[in-house]
PDB file of N, CA and C in Angstrom:
ATOM      1  N   ARG A   1      14.014  20.414  15.917  1.00  0.00           N
ATOM      2  CA  ARG A   1      13.029  19.460  16.391  1.00  0.00           C
ATOM      3  C   ARG A   1      13.627  18.540  17.444  1.00  0.00           C
ATOM      4  N   SER A   2      12.766  18.055  18.296  1.00  0.00           N
ATOM      5  CA  SER A   2      13.221  17.124  19.334  1.00  0.00           C
ATOM      6  C   SER A   2      13.480  15.750  18.726  1.00  0.00           C
ATOM      7  N   ILE A   3      14.213  14.930  19.463  1.00  0.00           N
ATOM      8  CA  ILE A   3      14.464  13.551  19.028  1.00  0.00           C
ATOM      9  C   ILE A   3      13.128  12.833  18.833  1.00  0.00           C
ATOM     10  N   ALA A   4      12.194  13.025  19.760  1.00  0.00           N
ATOM     11  CA  ALA A   4      10.882  12.369  19.658  1.00  0.00           C
ATOM     12  C   ALA A   4      10.173  12.790  18.376  1.00  0.00           C
ATOM     13  N   GLY A   5      10.260  14.055  18.020  1.00  0.00           N
ATOM     14  CA  GLY A   5       9.632  14.547  16.791  1.00  0.00           C
ATOM     15  C   GLY A   5      10.253  13.937  15.547  1.00  0.00           C
ATOM     16  N   VAL A   6      11.570  13.797  15.551  1.00  0.00           N
ATOM     17  CA  VAL A   6      12.274  13.183  14.419  1.00  0.00           C
ATOM     18  C   VAL A   6      11.884  11.712  14.305  1.00  0.00           C
ATOM     19  N   LEU A   7      11.850  11.002  15.425  1.00  0.00           N
ATOM     20  CA  LEU A   7      11.466   9.589  15.408  1.00  0.00           C
ATOM     21  C   LEU A   7      10.030   9.419  14.941  1.00  0.00           C
ATOM     22  N   HIS A   8       9.139  10.295  15.383  1.00  0.00           N
ATOM     23  CA  HIS A   8       7.738  10.212  14.955  1.00  0.00           C
ATOM     24  C   HIS A   8       7.638  10.405  13.444  1.00  0.00           C
ATOM     25  N   ALA A   9       8.358  11.347  12.901  1.00  0.00           N
ATOM     26  CA  ALA A   9       8.342  11.587  11.454  1.00  0.00           C
ATOM     27  C   ALA A   9       8.894  10.380  10.704  1.00  0.00           C
ATOM     28  N   TYR A  10       9.958   9.778  11.225  1.00  0.00           N
ATOM     29  CA  TYR A  10      10.535   8.581  10.605  1.00  0.00           C
ATOM     30  C   TYR A  10       9.518   7.444  10.637  1.00  0.00           C
ATOM     31  N   ASN A  11       8.927   7.210  11.810  1.00  0.00           N
ATOM     32  CA  ASN A  11       7.942   6.136  11.952  1.00  0.00           C
ATOM     33  C   ASN A  11       6.783   6.326  10.992  1.00  0.00           C
ATOM     34  N   ALA A  12       6.306   7.547  10.853  1.00  0.00           N
ATOM     35  CA  ALA A  12       5.169   7.820   9.978  1.00  0.00           C
ATOM     36  C   ALA A  12       5.500   7.521   8.521  1.00  0.00           C
ATOM     37  N   LYS A  13       6.750   7.718   8.121  1.00  0.00           N
ATOM     38  CA  LYS A  13       7.128   7.530   6.721  1.00  0.00           C
ATOM     39  C   LYS A  13       7.496   6.084   6.390  1.00  0.00           C
ATOM     40  N   TYR A  14       8.157   5.385   7.298  1.00  0.00           N
ATOM     41  CA  TYR A  14       8.739   4.087   6.970  1.00  0.00           C
ATOM     42  C   TYR A  14       8.106   2.886   7.677  1.00  0.00           C
ATOM     43  N   LEU A  15       7.303   3.140   8.696  1.00  0.00           N
ATOM     44  CA  LEU A  15       6.764   2.044   9.485  1.00  0.00           C
ATOM     45  C   LEU A  15       5.246   2.089   9.539  1.00  0.00           C
ATOM     46  N   CYS A  16       4.654   0.952   9.851  1.00  0.00           N
ATOM     47  CA  CYS A  16       3.210   0.841  10.021  1.00  0.00           C
ATOM     48  C   CYS A  16       2.936   0.605  11.504  1.00  0.00           C
ATOM     49  N   ALA A  17       2.007   1.369  12.079  1.00  0.00           N
ATOM     50  CA  ALA A  17       1.631   1.199  13.479  1.00  0.00           C
ATOM     51  C   ALA A  17       0.602   0.074  13.566  1.00  0.00           C
ATOM     52  N   VAL A  18       0.991  -1.037  14.186  1.00  0.00           N
ATOM     53  CA  VAL A  18       0.121  -2.210  14.277  1.00  0.00           C
ATOM     54  C   VAL A  18      -0.399  -2.344  15.704  1.00  0.00           C
ATOM     55  N   THR A  19      -1.727  -2.482  15.823  1.00  0.00           N
ATOM     56  CA  THR A  19      -2.354  -2.729  17.114  1.00  0.00           C
ATOM     57  C   THR A  19      -3.143  -4.028  17.032  1.00  0.00           C
ATOM     58  N   PHE A  20      -3.379  -4.611  18.187  1.00  0.00           N
ATOM     59  CA  PHE A  20      -4.138  -5.854  18.275  1.00  0.00           C
ATOM     60  C   PHE A  20      -5.423  -5.598  19.050  1.00  0.00           C
ATOM     61  N   SER A  21      -6.549  -5.946  18.426  1.00  0.00           N
ATOM     62  CA  SER A  21      -7.848  -5.906  19.089  1.00  0.00           C
ATOM     63  C   SER A  21      -8.057  -7.299  19.673  1.00  0.00           C
ATOM     64  N   LYS A  22      -8.018  -7.414  21.020  1.00  0.00           N
ATOM     65  CA  LYS A  22      -7.921  -8.726  21.660  1.00  0.00           C
ATOM     66  C   LYS A  22      -9.186  -9.103  22.422  1.00  0.00           C
ATOM     67  N   THR A  23      -9.586 -10.367  22.278  1.00  0.00           N
ATOM     68  CA  THR A  23     -10.618 -10.955  23.111  1.00  0.00           C
ATOM     69  C   THR A  23     -10.051 -12.251  23.661  1.00  0.00           C
ATOM     70  N   PRO A  24      -9.864 -12.350  24.973  1.00  0.00           N
ATOM     71  CA  PRO A  24     -10.161 -11.351  25.997  1.00  0.00           C
ATOM     72  C   PRO A  24      -9.156 -10.194  25.959  1.00  0.00           C
ATOM     73  N   SER A  25      -9.539  -9.092  26.545  1.00  0.00           N
ATOM     74  CA  SER A  25      -8.669  -7.906  26.522  1.00  0.00           C
ATOM     75  C   SER A  25      -7.380  -8.122  27.308  1.00  0.00           C
ATOM     76  N   THR A  26      -7.352  -9.158  28.151  1.00  0.00           N
ATOM     77  CA  THR A  26      -6.163  -9.461  28.958  1.00  0.00           C
ATOM     78  C   THR A  26      -5.160 -10.340  28.225  1.00  0.00           C
ATOM     79  N   ALA A  27      -5.458 -10.729  27.000  1.00  0.00           N
ATOM     80  CA  ALA A  27      -4.562 -11.615  26.241  1.00  0.00           C
ATOM     81  C   ALA A  27      -3.190 -10.963  26.073  1.00  0.00           C
ATOM     82  N   THR A  28      -2.170 -11.803  26.129  1.00  0.00           N
ATOM     83  CA  THR A  28      -0.789 -11.374  25.907  1.00  0.00           C
ATOM     84  C   THR A  28      -0.425 -11.688  24.458  1.00  0.00           C
ATOM     85  N   ILE A  29       0.195 -10.727  23.790  1.00  0.00           N
ATOM     86  CA  ILE A  29       0.610 -10.885  22.396  1.00  0.00           C
ATOM     87  C   ILE A  29       2.130 -10.840  22.336  1.00  0.00           C
ATOM     88  N   VAL A  30       2.717 -11.787  21.602  1.00  0.00           N
ATOM     89  CA  VAL A  30       4.157 -11.770  21.335  1.00  0.00           C
ATOM     90  C   VAL A  30       4.326 -11.761  19.815  1.00  0.00           C
ATOM     91  N   VAL A  31       4.974 -10.715  19.305  1.00  0.00           N
ATOM     92  CA  VAL A  31       5.200 -10.563  17.863  1.00  0.00           C
ATOM     93  C   VAL A  31       6.649 -10.912  17.552  1.00  0.00           C
ATOM     94  N   LYS A  32       6.841 -11.652  16.446  1.00  0.00           N
ATOM     95  CA  LYS A  32       8.196 -12.029  16.027  1.00  0.00           C
ATOM     96  C   LYS A  32       8.377 -11.793  14.530  1.00  0.00           C
ATOM     97  N   LYS A  33       9.608 -11.471  14.168  1.00  0.00           N
ATOM     98  CA  LYS A  33      10.051 -11.488  12.773  1.00  0.00           C
ATOM     99  C   LYS A  33      11.128 -12.559  12.735  1.00  0.00           C
ATOM    100  N   GLY A  34      10.790 -13.697  12.116  1.00  0.00           N
ATOM    101  CA  GLY A  34      11.680 -14.851  12.218  1.00  0.00           C
ATOM    102  C   GLY A  34      11.685 -15.322  13.659  1.00  0.00           C
ATOM    103  N   SER A  35      12.866 -15.422  14.262  1.00  0.00           N
ATOM    104  CA  SER A  35      12.954 -15.843  15.667  1.00  0.00           C
ATOM    105  C   SER A  35      13.157 -14.660  16.610  1.00  0.00           C
ATOM    106  N   THR A  36      13.160 -13.436  16.070  1.00  0.00           N
ATOM    107  CA  THR A  36      13.406 -12.243  16.876  1.00  0.00           C
ATOM    108  C   THR A  36      12.096 -11.681  17.420  1.00  0.00           C
ATOM    109  N   VAL A  37      12.009 -11.574  18.753  1.00  0.00           N
ATOM    110  CA  VAL A  37      10.838 -10.986  19.395  1.00  0.00           C
ATOM    111  C   VAL A  37      10.900  -9.465  19.246  1.00  0.00           C
ATOM    112  N   ILE A  38       9.778  -8.871  18.887  1.00  0.00           N
ATOM    113  CA  ILE A  38       9.690  -7.421  18.719  1.00  0.00           C
ATOM    114  C   ILE A  38       8.886  -6.858  19.880  1.00  0.00           C
ATOM    115  N   ASP A  39       9.478  -5.932  20.604  1.00  0.00           N
ATOM    116  CA  ASP A  39       8.798  -5.319  21.743  1.00  0.00           C
ATOM    117  C   ASP A  39       7.873  -4.211  21.265  1.00  0.00           C
ATOM    118  N   PRO A  40       6.707  -4.087  21.914  1.00  0.00           N
ATOM    119  CA  PRO A  40       5.797  -3.002  21.545  1.00  0.00           C
ATOM    120  C   PRO A  40       6.281  -1.669  22.105  1.00  0.00           C
ATOM    121  N   ALA A  41       5.815  -0.608  21.476  1.00  0.00           N
ATOM    122  CA  ALA A  41       6.061   0.734  21.997  1.00  0.00           C
ATOM    123  C   ALA A  41       4.989   1.029  23.055  1.00  0.00           C
ATOM    124  N   GLU A  42       4.997   2.239  23.553  1.00  0.00           N
ATOM    125  CA  GLU A  42       4.012   2.664  24.534  1.00  0.00           C
ATOM    126  C   GLU A  42       2.601   2.436  23.994  1.00  0.00           C
ATOM    127  N   GLY A  43       1.725   1.950  24.848  1.00  0.00           N
ATOM    128  CA  GLY A  43       0.346   1.711  24.442  1.00  0.00           C
ATOM    129  C   GLY A  43       0.139   0.403  23.695  1.00  0.00           C
ATOM    130  N   GLY A  44       1.179  -0.442  23.648  1.00  0.00           N
ATOM    131  CA  GLY A  44       1.041  -1.733  22.984  1.00  0.00           C
ATOM    132  C   GLY A  44       1.067  -1.673  21.470  1.00  0.00           C
ATOM    133  N   VAL A  45       1.565  -0.561  20.917  1.00  0.00           N
ATOM    134  CA  VAL A  45       1.642  -0.406  19.465  1.00  0.00           C
ATOM    135  C   VAL A  45       2.977  -0.963  18.970  1.00  0.00           C
ATOM    136  N   TYR A  46       2.914  -1.703  17.866  1.00  0.00           N
ATOM    137  CA  TYR A  46       4.127  -2.231  17.231  1.00  0.00           C
ATOM    138  C   TYR A  46       4.385  -1.419  15.973  1.00  0.00           C
ATOM    139  N   TYR A  47       5.569  -0.837  15.852  1.00  0.00           N
ATOM    140  CA  TYR A  47       5.948  -0.093  14.643  1.00  0.00           C
ATOM    141  C   TYR A  47       6.777  -1.031  13.785  1.00  0.00           C
ATOM    142  N   LEU A  48       6.174  -1.506  12.698  1.00  0.00           N
ATOM    143  CA  LEU A  48       6.789  -2.564  11.895  1.00  0.00           C
ATOM    144  C   LEU A  48       7.073  -2.122  10.474  1.00  0.00           C
ATOM    145  N   LYS A  49       8.199  -2.602   9.953  1.00  0.00           N
ATOM    146  CA  LYS A  49       8.561  -2.384   8.550  1.00  0.00           C
ATOM    147  C   LYS A  49       7.765  -3.358   7.684  1.00  0.00           C
ATOM    148  N   GLU A  50       7.777  -3.097   6.391  1.00  0.00           N
ATOM    149  CA  GLU A  50       7.154  -4.012   5.439  1.00  0.00           C
ATOM    150  C   GLU A  50       7.809  -5.386   5.573  1.00  0.00           C
ATOM    151  N   GLY A  51       7.003  -6.443   5.585  1.00  0.00           N
ATOM    152  CA  GLY A  51       7.555  -7.789   5.692  1.00  0.00           C
ATOM    153  C   GLY A  51       6.573  -8.751   6.334  1.00  0.00           C
ATOM    154  N   SER A  52       7.063  -9.966   6.608  1.00  0.00           N
ATOM    155  CA  SER A  52       6.250 -11.033   7.188  1.00  0.00           C
ATOM    156  C   SER A  52       6.579 -11.200   8.664  1.00  0.00           C
ATOM    157  N   TYR A  53       5.542 -11.421   9.459  1.00  0.00           N
ATOM    158  CA  TYR A  53       5.664 -11.545  10.906  1.00  0.00           C
ATOM    159  C   TYR A  53       4.764 -12.678  11.395  1.00  0.00           C
ATOM    160  N   THR A  54       4.969 -13.076  12.646  1.00  0.00           N
ATOM    161  CA  THR A  54       4.051 -13.998  13.308  1.00  0.00           C
ATOM    162  C   THR A  54       3.721 -13.423  14.679  1.00  0.00           C
ATOM    163  N   TYR A  55       2.589 -13.885  15.225  1.00  0.00           N
ATOM    164  CA  TYR A  55       2.270 -13.534  16.608  1.00  0.00           C
ATOM    165  C   TYR A  55       1.730 -14.768  17.312  1.00  0.00           C
ATOM    166  N   THR A  56       1.903 -14.766  18.621  1.00  0.00           N
ATOM    167  CA  THR A  56       1.300 -15.771  19.489  1.00  0.00           C
ATOM    168  C   THR A  56       0.457 -15.005  20.500  1.00  0.00           C
ATOM    169  N   ALA A  57      -0.777 -15.455  20.675  1.00  0.00           N
ATOM    170  CA  ALA A  57      -1.698 -14.828  21.633  1.00  0.00           C
ATOM    171  C   ALA A  57      -2.063 -15.855  22.691  1.00  0.00           C
ATOM    172  N   SER A  58      -2.016 -15.436  23.949  1.00  0.00           N
ATOM    173  CA  SER A  58      -2.348 -16.355  25.035  1.00  0.00           C
ATOM    174  C   SER A  58      -3.017 -15.601  26.177  1.00  0.00           C
ATOM    175  N   ALA A  59      -3.838 -16.339  26.921  1.00  0.00           N
ATOM    176  CA  ALA A  59      -4.476 -15.808  28.124  1.00  0.00           C
ATOM    177  C   ALA A  59      -4.867 -16.991  29.000  1.00  0.00           C
ATOM    178  N   GLU A  60      -4.815 -16.799  30.300  1.00  0.00           N
ATOM    179  CA  GLU A  60      -5.161 -17.877  31.226  1.00  0.00           C
ATOM    180  C   GLU A  60      -6.606 -18.308  31.003  1.00  0.00           C
ATOM    181  N   GLY A  61      -6.810 -19.630  30.858  1.00  0.00           N
ATOM    182  CA  GLY A  61      -8.151 -20.159  30.664  1.00  0.00           C
ATOM    183  C   GLY A  61      -8.601 -20.190  29.212  1.00  0.00           C
ATOM    184  N   TYR A  62      -7.688 -19.819  28.289  1.00  0.00           N
ATOM    185  CA  TYR A  62      -8.004 -19.782  26.856  1.00  0.00           C
ATOM    186  C   TYR A  62      -7.004 -20.624  26.071  1.00  0.00           C
ATOM    187  N   VAL A  63      -7.430 -21.068  24.900  1.00  0.00           N
ATOM    188  CA  VAL A  63      -6.550 -21.835  24.018  1.00  0.00           C
ATOM    189  C   VAL A  63      -5.596 -20.852  23.332  1.00  0.00           C
ATOM    190  N   THR A  64      -4.292 -21.126  23.415  1.00  0.00           N
ATOM    191  CA  THR A  64      -3.269 -20.264  22.806  1.00  0.00           C
ATOM    192  C   THR A  64      -3.295 -20.385  21.286  1.00  0.00           C
ATOM    193  N   LYS A  65      -3.151 -19.244  20.618  1.00  0.00           N
ATOM    194  CA  LYS A  65      -2.955 -19.234  19.164  1.00  0.00           C
ATOM    195  C   LYS A  65      -1.478 -18.969  18.930  1.00  0.00           C
ATOM    196  N   SER A  66      -0.777 -19.947  18.349  1.00  0.00           N
ATOM    197  CA  SER A  66       0.671 -19.840  18.173  1.00  0.00           C
ATOM    198  C   SER A  66       1.046 -19.610  16.714  1.00  0.00           C
ATOM    199  N   ASN A  67       2.089 -18.809  16.513  1.00  0.00           N
ATOM    200  CA  ASN A  67       2.693 -18.604  15.194  1.00  0.00           C
ATOM    201  C   ASN A  67       1.682 -18.266  14.100  1.00  0.00           C
ATOM    202  N   GLN A  68       0.795 -17.323  14.409  1.00  0.00           N
ATOM    203  CA  GLN A  68      -0.175 -16.836  13.425  1.00  0.00           C
ATOM    204  C   GLN A  68       0.539 -15.833  12.516  1.00  0.00           C
ATOM    205  N   SER A  69       0.437 -16.024  11.213  1.00  0.00           N
ATOM    206  CA  SER A  69       1.156 -15.172  10.254  1.00  0.00           C
ATOM    207  C   SER A  69       0.374 -13.912   9.909  1.00  0.00           C
ATOM    208  N   PHE A  70       1.108 -12.821   9.702  1.00  0.00           N
ATOM    209  CA  PHE A  70       0.545 -11.606   9.125  1.00  0.00           C
ATOM    210  C   PHE A  70       1.654 -10.863   8.411  1.00  0.00           C
ATOM    211  N   SER A  71       1.255  -9.986   7.496  1.00  0.00           N
ATOM    212  CA  SER A  71       2.233  -9.233   6.710  1.00  0.00           C
ATOM    213  C   SER A  71       1.940  -7.750   6.769  1.00  0.00           C
ATOM    214  N   ILE A  72       2.993  -6.987   6.651  1.00  0.00           N
ATOM    215  CA  ILE A  72       2.884  -5.540   6.452  1.00  0.00           C
ATOM    216  C   ILE A  72       3.244  -5.303   4.993  1.00  0.00           C
ATOM    217  N   THR A  73       2.303  -4.742   4.257  1.00  0.00           N
ATOM    218  CA  THR A  73       2.498  -4.503   2.830  1.00  0.00           C
ATOM    219  C   THR A  73       2.811  -3.030   2.581  1.00  0.00           C
ATOM    220  N   SER A  74       3.155  -2.713   1.353  1.00  0.00           N
ATOM    221  CA  SER A  74       3.418  -1.305   1.020  1.00  0.00           C
ATOM    222  C   SER A  74       2.155  -0.466   1.217  1.00  0.00           C
ATOM    223  N   SER A  75       0.968  -1.042   0.976  1.00  0.00           N
ATOM    224  CA  SER A  75      -0.260  -0.268   1.191  1.00  0.00           C
ATOM    225  C   SER A  75      -0.521  -0.045   2.684  1.00  0.00           C
ATOM    226  N   ASP A  76      -0.144  -1.019   3.545  1.00  0.00           N
ATOM    227  CA  ASP A  76      -0.257  -0.808   4.993  1.00  0.00           C
ATOM    228  C   ASP A  76       0.644   0.341   5.423  1.00  0.00           C
ATOM    229  N   LYS A  77       1.845   0.368   4.845  1.00  0.00           N
ATOM    230  CA  LYS A  77       2.801   1.435   5.158  1.00  0.00           C
ATOM    231  C   LYS A  77       2.235   2.788   4.735  1.00  0.00           C
ATOM    232  N   THR A  78       1.585   2.823   3.562  1.00  0.00           N
ATOM    233  CA  THR A  78       0.983   4.060   3.065  1.00  0.00           C
ATOM    234  C   THR A  78      -0.153   4.498   3.976  1.00  0.00           C
ATOM    235  N   THR A  79      -1.000   3.542   4.377  1.00  0.00           N
ATOM    236  CA  THR A  79      -2.101   3.842   5.298  1.00  0.00           C
ATOM    237  C   THR A  79      -1.552   4.295   6.644  1.00  0.00           C
ATOM    238  N   GLY A  80      -0.490   3.648   7.088  1.00  0.00           N
ATOM    239  CA  GLY A  80       0.173   4.035   8.325  1.00  0.00           C
ATOM    240  C   GLY A  80      -0.245   3.253   9.547  1.00  0.00           C
ATOM    241  N   SER A  81      -1.350   2.500   9.436  1.00  0.00           N
ATOM    242  CA  SER A  81      -1.775   1.722  10.601  1.00  0.00           C
ATOM    243  C   SER A  81      -2.526   0.473  10.162  1.00  0.00           C
ATOM    244  N   LYS A  82      -2.541  -0.503  11.055  1.00  0.00           N
ATOM    245  CA  LYS A  82      -3.224  -1.770  10.782  1.00  0.00           C
ATOM    246  C   LYS A  82      -3.663  -2.335  12.124  1.00  0.00           C
ATOM    247  N   THR A  83      -4.899  -2.835  12.176  1.00  0.00           N
ATOM    248  CA  THR A  83      -5.396  -3.486  13.386  1.00  0.00           C
ATOM    249  C   THR A  83      -5.626  -4.954  13.079  1.00  0.00           C
ATOM    250  N   ILE A  84      -5.104  -5.804  13.948  1.00  0.00           N
ATOM    251  CA  ILE A  84      -5.272  -7.243  13.807  1.00  0.00           C
ATOM    252  C   ILE A  84      -6.202  -7.706  14.912  1.00  0.00           C
ATOM    253  N   THR A  85      -7.304  -8.365  14.533  1.00  0.00           N
ATOM    254  CA  THR A  85      -8.276  -8.857  15.503  1.00  0.00           C
ATOM    255  C   THR A  85      -7.922 -10.272  15.917  1.00  0.00           C
ATOM    256  N   VAL A  86      -7.823 -10.472  17.233  1.00  0.00           N
ATOM    257  CA  VAL A  86      -7.469 -11.777  17.789  1.00  0.00           C
ATOM    258  C   VAL A  86      -8.568 -12.180  18.774  1.00  0.00           C
ATOM    259  N   THR A  87      -9.189 -13.332  18.526  1.00  0.00           N
ATOM    260  CA  THR A  87     -10.191 -13.852  19.436  1.00  0.00           C
ATOM    261  C   THR A  87      -9.765 -15.236  19.901  1.00  0.00           C
ATOM    262  N   LEU A  88      -9.539 -15.355  21.196  1.00  0.00           N
ATOM    263  CA  LEU A  88      -9.167 -16.640  21.778  1.00  0.00           C
ATOM    264  C   LEU A  88     -10.415 -17.375  22.254  1.00  0.00           C
ATOM    265  N   VAL A  89     -10.394 -18.689  22.152  1.00  0.00           N
ATOM    266  CA  VAL A  89     -11.495 -19.542  22.573  1.00  0.00           C
ATOM    267  C   VAL A  89     -11.206 -20.053  23.981  1.00  0.00           C
ATOM    268  N   GLN A  90     -12.219 -20.034  24.840  1.00  0.00           N
ATOM    269  CA  GLN A  90     -12.021 -20.534  26.194  1.00  0.00           C
ATOM    270  C   GLN A  90     -11.671 -22.009  26.171  1.00  0.00           C
ATOM    271  N   GLY A  91     -10.686 -22.363  26.998  1.00  0.00           N
ATOM    272  CA  GLY A  91     -10.262 -23.746  27.098  1.00  0.00           C
ATOM    273  C   GLY A  91     -11.060 -24.488  28.148  1.00  0.00           C
ATOM    274  N   SER A  92     -10.872 -25.805  28.207  1.00  0.00           N
ATOM    275  CA  SER A  92     -11.629 -26.594  29.183  1.00  0.00           C
ATOM    276  C   SER A  92     -10.934 -26.632  30.523  1.00  0.00           C
TER     277      SER A  92
END
């Protein structure tokens, strides 16, 4: 198997694919575990282990949501994916 195939199999077994449904769609998301920023994979997907995380969502002309908590549970890992809905409010 290719390296990509091995990594995909590992990700499917041990990680949860997290996506963000964003309003506005141009919002920028920054995910952290503690103080460590986690970079998304291709397509904006975050492959996360079980645990606690935070995200900050921002977009020009909108009120920023900072340090919003979310968790990856064993059931999320079993499901394999999780979508987090983020709606920003327009600022003045």
